[in-house]
Amino acid sequence: MAKKILLVEDEEIMIDLLQKKLTKEGYEISVARDGEEGLKAMREVKPDLILLDIIMPKMGGFEVMEEMGKDKNLKDIPVIVISNSGQPVEIDKAQKLGAKDWLIKTEFDPQEVVDKVVKQIGK
């Protein structure tokens, strides 16, 4: 059975790119376009891994991770953060909130995403 990834991202171009690449690699992808929708989807989809944007409408990635940390059903799902910023202070905050890895939008290629996903949950 395919592993499930929830992509919480508001930029259509990123959604399209990641969805295509990860689907091709055999993962089942669900998409949420803001943090609130993301939390709701986590409870419904029960993903194996979450790719989480930091800057989003309604609720940002840090708030989503704070909420996940309070929920025993969500807190152990691995999170890979996707952000426009690679600021050490942001990376540090994400790690403190439980993020397993980090991708910077301007610097990564889709294969890097696949490699990081495989590292966390395998194929």
C-alpha atoms as a PDB file:
ATOM      1  CA  MET A   1       0.000   0.000   0.000  1.00  0.00           C
ATOM      2  CA  ALA A   2       1.261   3.467  -0.890  1.00  0.00           C
ATOM      3  CA  LYS A   3       2.557   5.687   1.897  1.00  0.00           C
ATOM      4  CA  LYS A   4       0.478   8.818   2.385  1.00  0.00           C
ATOM      5  CA  ILE A   5       1.947  12.307   2.300  1.00  0.00           C
ATOM      6  CA  LEU A   6       0.009  15.419   3.210  1.00  0.00           C
ATOM      7  CA  LEU A   7       1.279  18.526   1.420  1.00  0.00           C
ATOM      8  CA  VAL A   8       0.286  21.697   3.285  1.00  0.00           C
ATOM      9  CA  GLU A   9       1.204  24.476   0.859  1.00  0.00           C
ATOM     10  CA  ASP A  10      -0.522  27.529  -0.624  1.00  0.00           C
ATOM     11  CA  GLU A  11       1.565  28.095  -3.782  1.00  0.00           C
ATOM     12  CA  GLU A  12      -0.014  26.315  -6.749  1.00  0.00           C
ATOM     13  CA  ILE A  13       3.282  25.957  -8.614  1.00  0.00           C
ATOM     14  CA  MET A  14       4.858  24.147  -5.624  1.00  0.00           C
ATOM     15  CA  ILE A  15       1.778  21.961  -5.158  1.00  0.00           C
ATOM     16  CA  ASP A  16       1.835  20.975  -8.817  1.00  0.00           C
ATOM     17  CA  LEU A  17       5.570  20.245  -8.858  1.00  0.00           C
ATOM     18  CA  LEU A  18       5.643  18.212  -5.637  1.00  0.00           C
ATOM     19  CA  GLN A  19       2.409  16.364  -6.323  1.00  0.00           C
ATOM     20  CA  LYS A  20       3.643  15.198  -9.734  1.00  0.00           C
ATOM     21  CA  LYS A  21       7.080  14.155  -8.501  1.00  0.00           C
ATOM     22  CA  LEU A  22       5.898  12.309  -5.386  1.00  0.00           C
ATOM     23  CA  THR A  23       2.988  10.602  -7.160  1.00  0.00           C
ATOM     24  CA  LYS A  24       5.436   9.375  -9.801  1.00  0.00           C
ATOM     25  CA  GLU A  25       7.566   7.944  -6.973  1.00  0.00           C
ATOM     26  CA  GLY A  26       4.566   5.938  -5.758  1.00  0.00           C
ATOM     27  CA  TYR A  27       3.309   8.061  -2.856  1.00  0.00           C
ATOM     28  CA  GLU A  28      -0.327   8.958  -2.289  1.00  0.00           C
ATOM     29  CA  ILE A  29      -0.589  12.760  -2.021  1.00  0.00           C
ATOM     30  CA  SER A  30      -3.253  14.840  -0.290  1.00  0.00           C
ATOM     31  CA  VAL A  31      -3.159  18.636  -0.463  1.00  0.00           C
ATOM     32  CA  ALA A  32      -4.259  21.303   2.008  1.00  0.00           C
ATOM     33  CA  ARG A  33      -3.871  24.972   1.087  1.00  0.00           C
ATOM     34  CA  ASP A  34      -3.641  26.533   4.562  1.00  0.00           C
ATOM     35  CA  GLY A  35      -2.811  25.510   8.114  1.00  0.00           C
ATOM     36  CA  GLU A  36      -6.400  25.083   9.298  1.00  0.00           C
ATOM     37  CA  GLU A  37      -7.234  22.860   6.330  1.00  0.00           C
ATOM     38  CA  GLY A  38      -3.954  21.028   6.977  1.00  0.00           C
ATOM     39  CA  LEU A  39      -4.850  20.133  10.577  1.00  0.00           C
ATOM     40  CA  LYS A  40      -8.279  18.943   9.495  1.00  0.00           C
ATOM     41  CA  ALA A  41      -6.730  16.834   6.718  1.00  0.00           C
ATOM     42  CA  MET A  42      -4.197  15.308   9.146  1.00  0.00           C
ATOM     43  CA  ARG A  43      -7.007  13.960  11.285  1.00  0.00           C
ATOM     44  CA  GLU A  44      -8.901  12.590   8.274  1.00  0.00           C
ATOM     45  CA  VAL A  45      -6.054  11.294   6.086  1.00  0.00           C
ATOM     46  CA  LYS A  46      -3.686  10.127   8.864  1.00  0.00           C
ATOM     47  CA  PRO A  47      -0.615  10.699   6.676  1.00  0.00           C
ATOM     48  CA  ASP A  48       2.732   8.949   7.119  1.00  0.00           C
ATOM     49  CA  LEU A  49       4.523  12.262   6.576  1.00  0.00           C
ATOM     50  CA  ILE A  50       3.689  15.962   6.251  1.00  0.00           C
ATOM     51  CA  LEU A  51       5.374  18.470   3.943  1.00  0.00           C
ATOM     52  CA  LEU A  52       4.587  21.778   5.616  1.00  0.00           C
ATOM     53  CA  ASP A  53       4.949  25.337   4.359  1.00  0.00           C
ATOM     54  CA  ILE A  54       5.677  27.989   7.014  1.00  0.00           C
ATOM     55  CA  ILE A  55       4.036  31.111   5.549  1.00  0.00           C
ATOM     56  CA  MET A  56       0.372  30.411   4.741  1.00  0.00           C
ATOM     57  CA  PRO A  57      -3.022  32.075   5.086  1.00  0.00           C
ATOM     58  CA  LYS A  58      -5.144  31.546   8.225  1.00  0.00           C
ATOM     59  CA  MET A  59      -2.561  29.524  10.151  1.00  0.00           C
ATOM     60  CA  GLY A  60       1.176  29.261   9.481  1.00  0.00           C
ATOM     61  CA  GLY A  61       3.412  26.211   9.713  1.00  0.00           C
ATOM     62  CA  PHE A  62       4.789  27.004  13.174  1.00  0.00           C
ATOM     63  CA  GLU A  63       1.240  27.257  14.575  1.00  0.00           C
ATOM     64  CA  VAL A  64       0.337  23.989  12.854  1.00  0.00           C
ATOM     65  CA  MET A  65       3.311  22.258  14.502  1.00  0.00           C
ATOM     66  CA  GLU A  66       2.344  23.726  17.901  1.00  0.00           C
ATOM     67  CA  GLU A  67      -1.174  22.305  17.475  1.00  0.00           C
ATOM     68  CA  MET A  68       0.210  18.943  16.352  1.00  0.00           C
ATOM     69  CA  GLY A  69       2.359  18.800  19.479  1.00  0.00           C
ATOM     70  CA  LYS A  70      -0.765  19.038  21.656  1.00  0.00           C
ATOM     71  CA  ASP A  71      -2.545  16.195  19.862  1.00  0.00           C
ATOM     72  CA  LYS A  72      -1.424  12.656  20.729  1.00  0.00           C
ATOM     73  CA  ASN A  73      -2.674  11.375  17.353  1.00  0.00           C
ATOM     74  CA  LEU A  74      -0.658  13.928  15.375  1.00  0.00           C
ATOM     75  CA  LYS A  75       2.493  14.628  17.350  1.00  0.00           C
ATOM     76  CA  ASP A  76       4.468  11.645  16.066  1.00  0.00           C
ATOM     77  CA  ILE A  77       3.865  12.262  12.339  1.00  0.00           C
ATOM     78  CA  PRO A  78       7.193  13.329  10.775  1.00  0.00           C
ATOM     79  CA  VAL A  79       7.202  16.867   9.354  1.00  0.00           C
ATOM     80  CA  ILE A  80       9.486  18.235   6.660  1.00  0.00           C
ATOM     81  CA  VAL A  81       9.231  22.019   6.558  1.00  0.00           C
ATOM     82  CA  ILE A  82       9.203  23.865   3.226  1.00  0.00           C
ATOM     83  CA  SER A  83      10.069  27.530   3.468  1.00  0.00           C
ATOM     84  CA  ASN A  84      11.220  30.536   1.491  1.00  0.00           C
ATOM     85  CA  SER A  85      13.662  31.337   4.263  1.00  0.00           C
ATOM     86  CA  GLY A  86      16.628  29.365   5.454  1.00  0.00           C
ATOM     87  CA  GLN A  87      17.207  31.589   8.469  1.00  0.00           C
ATOM     88  CA  PRO A  88      18.930  29.620  11.266  1.00  0.00           C
ATOM     89  CA  VAL A  89      16.476  31.059  13.793  1.00  0.00           C
ATOM     90  CA  GLU A  90      13.556  29.669  11.768  1.00  0.00           C
ATOM     91  CA  ILE A  91      15.213  26.289  11.288  1.00  0.00           C
ATOM     92  CA  ASP A  92      15.934  26.151  15.005  1.00  0.00           C
ATOM     93  CA  LYS A  93      12.326  26.997  15.868  1.00  0.00           C
ATOM     94  CA  ALA A  94      11.013  24.363  13.438  1.00  0.00           C
ATOM     95  CA  GLN A  95      13.301  21.719  14.946  1.00  0.00           C
ATOM     96  CA  LYS A  96      12.222  22.627  18.487  1.00  0.00           C
ATOM     97  CA  LEU A  97       8.619  22.148  17.350  1.00  0.00           C
ATOM     98  CA  GLY A  98       9.504  18.708  16.031  1.00  0.00           C
ATOM     99  CA  ALA A  99      10.364  19.163  12.346  1.00  0.00           C
ATOM    100  CA  LYS A 100      12.555  16.324  11.077  1.00  0.00           C
ATOM    101  CA  ASP A 101      14.002  18.139   8.086  1.00  0.00           C
ATOM    102  CA  TRP A 102      13.960  21.398   6.136  1.00  0.00           C
ATOM    103  CA  LEU A 103      13.709  22.432   2.481  1.00  0.00           C
ATOM    104  CA  ILE A 104      14.301  25.918   1.128  1.00  0.00           C
ATOM    105  CA  LYS A 105      12.011  26.638  -1.840  1.00  0.00           C
ATOM    106  CA  THR A 106      14.509  28.641  -3.842  1.00  0.00           C
ATOM    107  CA  GLU A 107      17.270  26.047  -3.518  1.00  0.00           C
ATOM    108  CA  PHE A 108      15.795  22.576  -3.763  1.00  0.00           C
ATOM    109  CA  ASP A 109      15.084  20.327  -6.672  1.00  0.00           C
ATOM    110  CA  PRO A 110      12.243  17.776  -6.626  1.00  0.00           C
ATOM    111  CA  GLN A 111      14.651  14.842  -6.277  1.00  0.00           C
ATOM    112  CA  GLU A 112      15.936  16.344  -3.005  1.00  0.00           C
ATOM    113  CA  VAL A 113      12.367  16.245  -1.678  1.00  0.00           C
ATOM    114  CA  VAL A 114      12.076  12.576  -2.632  1.00  0.00           C
ATOM    115  CA  ASP A 115      15.405  11.791  -0.934  1.00  0.00           C
ATOM    116  CA  LYS A 116      14.328  13.505   2.294  1.00  0.00           C
ATOM    117  CA  VAL A 117      10.930  11.759   2.234  1.00  0.00           C
ATOM    118  CA  VAL A 118      12.548   8.336   1.688  1.00  0.00           C
ATOM    119  CA  LYS A 119      14.943   9.048   4.564  1.00  0.00           C
ATOM    120  CA  GLN A 120      11.963   9.640   6.907  1.00  0.00           C
ATOM    121  CA  ILE A 121       9.419   7.024   5.832  1.00  0.00           C
ATOM    122  CA  GLY A 122      10.993   4.858   3.128  1.00  0.00           C
ATOM    123  CA  LYS A 123       9.192   3.966  -0.081  1.00  0.00           C
END
